[in-house]
Amino acid sequence: MKYLAALGIFALVLLPYASAMTVEWHPEHPKKGSVVTVYATLGVNESHNVKLEYCVGTACFYPSMKYENGKWVGNFTMPAESVDITILVDGEPVWNGTITGEEKGNTPSFEIVAIIPAFIATLLIWKRKN
């Protein structure tokens, strides 16, 4: 019973530090070369130094984020198909994720390669019968 009470007190002490941190970006699946805007709700105000780190391979860039209407906002130009991002507060990473580029649809190349010869063969057979 003592352990359960201690666990409850421990949870109550840590609850204020478990703020609802959300990070989202638009467009959700950007094309290479398009501007990506990142919005972060971090639970820290403008007195902190918040940066957006984005990396392609080993090259990393660190644009600053601005505090607007209760959210931190930063943007960058999508340099590749996939970018790793990290939110840094006073130099410490607090969130990281990956932005993947626009999903490519299935190309009909295989289907066309299979359908065209079948269509030609059907025409040849039909022509021989007539």
Protein backbone atom coordinates (compact mmCIF):
# COMPACT_ATOMS: atom_id res chain seq x y z
CA MET A 1 0.00 0.00 0.00
CA LYS A 2 2.92 2.33 0.74
CA TYR A 3 4.29 1.71 -2.75
CA LEU A 4 0.95 2.55 -4.36
CA ALA A 5 0.74 5.82 -2.37
CA ALA A 6 4.34 6.68 -3.29
CA LEU A 7 3.60 5.97 -6.97
CA GLY A 8 0.53 8.24 -6.81
CA ILE A 9 2.50 11.09 -5.22
CA PHE A 10 5.29 10.60 -7.78
CA ALA A 11 2.76 10.83 -10.63
CA LEU A 12 1.20 14.00 -9.17
CA VAL A 13 4.62 15.62 -8.87
CA LEU A 14 5.55 14.83 -12.50
CA LEU A 15 2.14 15.65 -14.00
CA PRO A 16 2.81 19.39 -14.46
CA TYR A 17 5.98 18.58 -16.42
CA ALA A 18 4.13 16.32 -18.83
CA SER A 19 2.78 19.21 -20.87
CA ALA A 20 0.96 18.53 -24.08
CA MET A 21 3.71 18.95 -26.64
CA THR A 22 2.46 18.92 -30.21
CA VAL A 23 4.36 19.43 -33.43
CA GLU A 24 2.76 19.59 -36.86
CA TRP A 25 3.76 20.88 -40.27
CA HIS A 26 2.09 22.00 -43.45
CA PRO A 27 1.96 20.75 -46.11
CA GLU A 28 1.88 17.28 -44.58
CA HIS A 29 3.76 15.65 -47.50
CA PRO A 30 5.67 18.50 -49.15
CA LYS A 31 7.28 18.39 -52.57
CA LYS A 32 10.99 19.00 -52.89
CA GLY A 33 11.49 22.77 -53.11
CA SER A 34 8.24 23.76 -51.38
CA VAL A 35 8.17 25.79 -48.15
CA VAL A 36 7.36 23.75 -45.04
CA THR A 37 5.95 25.57 -42.01
CA VAL A 38 6.40 23.84 -38.63
CA TYR A 39 4.09 24.64 -35.70
CA ALA A 40 5.09 23.54 -32.18
CA THR A 41 3.21 23.84 -28.89
CA LEU A 42 5.95 23.32 -26.33
CA GLY A 43 4.79 24.83 -23.05
CA VAL A 44 7.63 27.39 -23.07
CA ASN A 45 7.25 31.12 -23.70
CA GLU A 46 9.22 33.58 -25.80
CA SER A 47 11.94 33.99 -23.15
CA HIS A 48 13.47 30.72 -24.41
CA ASN A 49 15.65 30.22 -27.45
CA VAL A 50 13.78 27.77 -29.71
CA LYS A 51 15.30 26.53 -32.95
CA LEU A 52 14.23 24.12 -35.62
CA GLU A 53 16.97 21.76 -36.72
CA TYR A 54 16.48 20.01 -40.05
CA CYS A 55 18.97 17.57 -41.47
CA VAL A 56 19.52 15.91 -44.82
CA GLY A 57 22.14 13.24 -44.38
CA THR A 58 24.92 14.86 -42.34
CA ALA A 59 24.10 18.46 -43.33
CA CYS A 60 22.03 20.23 -40.66
CA PHE A 61 20.48 23.69 -40.63
CA TYR A 62 19.16 25.69 -37.64
CA PRO A 63 16.55 28.34 -38.44
CA SER A 64 15.07 30.18 -35.44
CA MET A 65 11.42 29.77 -34.56
CA LYS A 66 9.12 32.68 -33.62
CA TYR A 67 6.52 32.63 -30.85
CA GLU A 68 3.13 33.50 -32.36
CA ASN A 69 -0.30 33.06 -30.72
CA GLY A 70 0.92 30.49 -28.20
CA LYS A 71 2.81 28.38 -30.79
CA TRP A 72 6.36 28.34 -32.05
CA VAL A 73 6.50 28.76 -35.83
CA GLY A 74 9.40 28.09 -38.16
CA ASN A 75 9.79 27.30 -41.82
CA PHE A 76 12.28 26.00 -44.34
CA THR A 77 12.43 24.92 -47.96
CA MET A 78 12.14 21.15 -48.41
CA PRO A 79 15.59 20.17 -49.71
CA ALA A 80 15.00 16.45 -50.33
CA GLU A 81 12.41 13.67 -50.30
CA SER A 82 12.87 13.13 -46.55
CA VAL A 83 14.09 15.46 -43.80
CA ASP A 84 14.82 14.72 -40.14
CA ILE A 85 13.67 17.54 -37.85
CA THR A 86 14.39 18.30 -34.20
CA ILE A 87 12.97 21.05 -32.00
CA LEU A 88 15.65 22.53 -29.74
CA VAL A 89 14.83 24.58 -26.61
CA ASP A 90 17.87 26.42 -25.27
CA GLY A 91 20.08 24.02 -27.23
CA GLU A 92 18.47 20.85 -25.85
CA PRO A 93 16.43 18.55 -28.11
CA VAL A 94 12.83 18.18 -26.94
CA TRP A 95 11.20 16.59 -30.01
CA ASN A 96 12.32 14.89 -33.19
CA GLY A 97 10.66 13.33 -36.21
CA THR A 98 10.85 12.88 -39.95
CA ILE A 99 9.04 14.75 -42.70
CA THR A 100 8.56 12.63 -45.78
CA GLY A 101 7.89 14.18 -49.14
CA GLU A 102 4.92 13.82 -51.40
CA GLU A 103 3.85 10.23 -51.78
CA LYS A 104 4.16 9.07 -55.32
CA GLY A 105 1.22 7.21 -56.78
CA ASN A 106 1.57 3.84 -58.39
CA THR A 107 2.83 4.18 -61.91
CA PRO A 108 0.91 2.12 -64.42
CA SER A 109 4.05 1.08 -66.30
CA PHE A 110 3.79 -2.66 -65.56
CA GLU A 111 0.09 -2.78 -66.32
CA ILE A 112 0.54 -0.95 -69.61
CA VAL A 113 3.38 -3.27 -70.63
CA ALA A 114 1.12 -6.25 -69.98
CA ILE A 115 -2.07 -4.79 -71.51
CA ILE A 116 -0.70 -3.44 -74.80
CA PRO A 117 0.67 -6.80 -76.09
CA ALA A 118 -2.54 -8.53 -74.99
CA PHE A 119 -4.59 -5.92 -76.85
CA ILE A 120 -2.46 -6.29 -80.00
CA ALA A 121 -2.71 -10.09 -79.82
CA THR A 122 -6.50 -9.83 -79.46
CA LEU A 123 -6.70 -7.55 -82.51
CA LEU A 124 -4.55 -9.93 -84.58
CA ILE A 125 -6.66 -12.93 -83.62
CA TRP A 126 -9.89 -11.03 -84.37
CA LYS A 127 -8.49 -9.89 -87.75
CA ARG A 128 -7.58 -13.48 -88.77
CA LYS A 129 -11.08 -14.69 -87.96
CA ASN A 130 -12.71 -11.94 -90.03
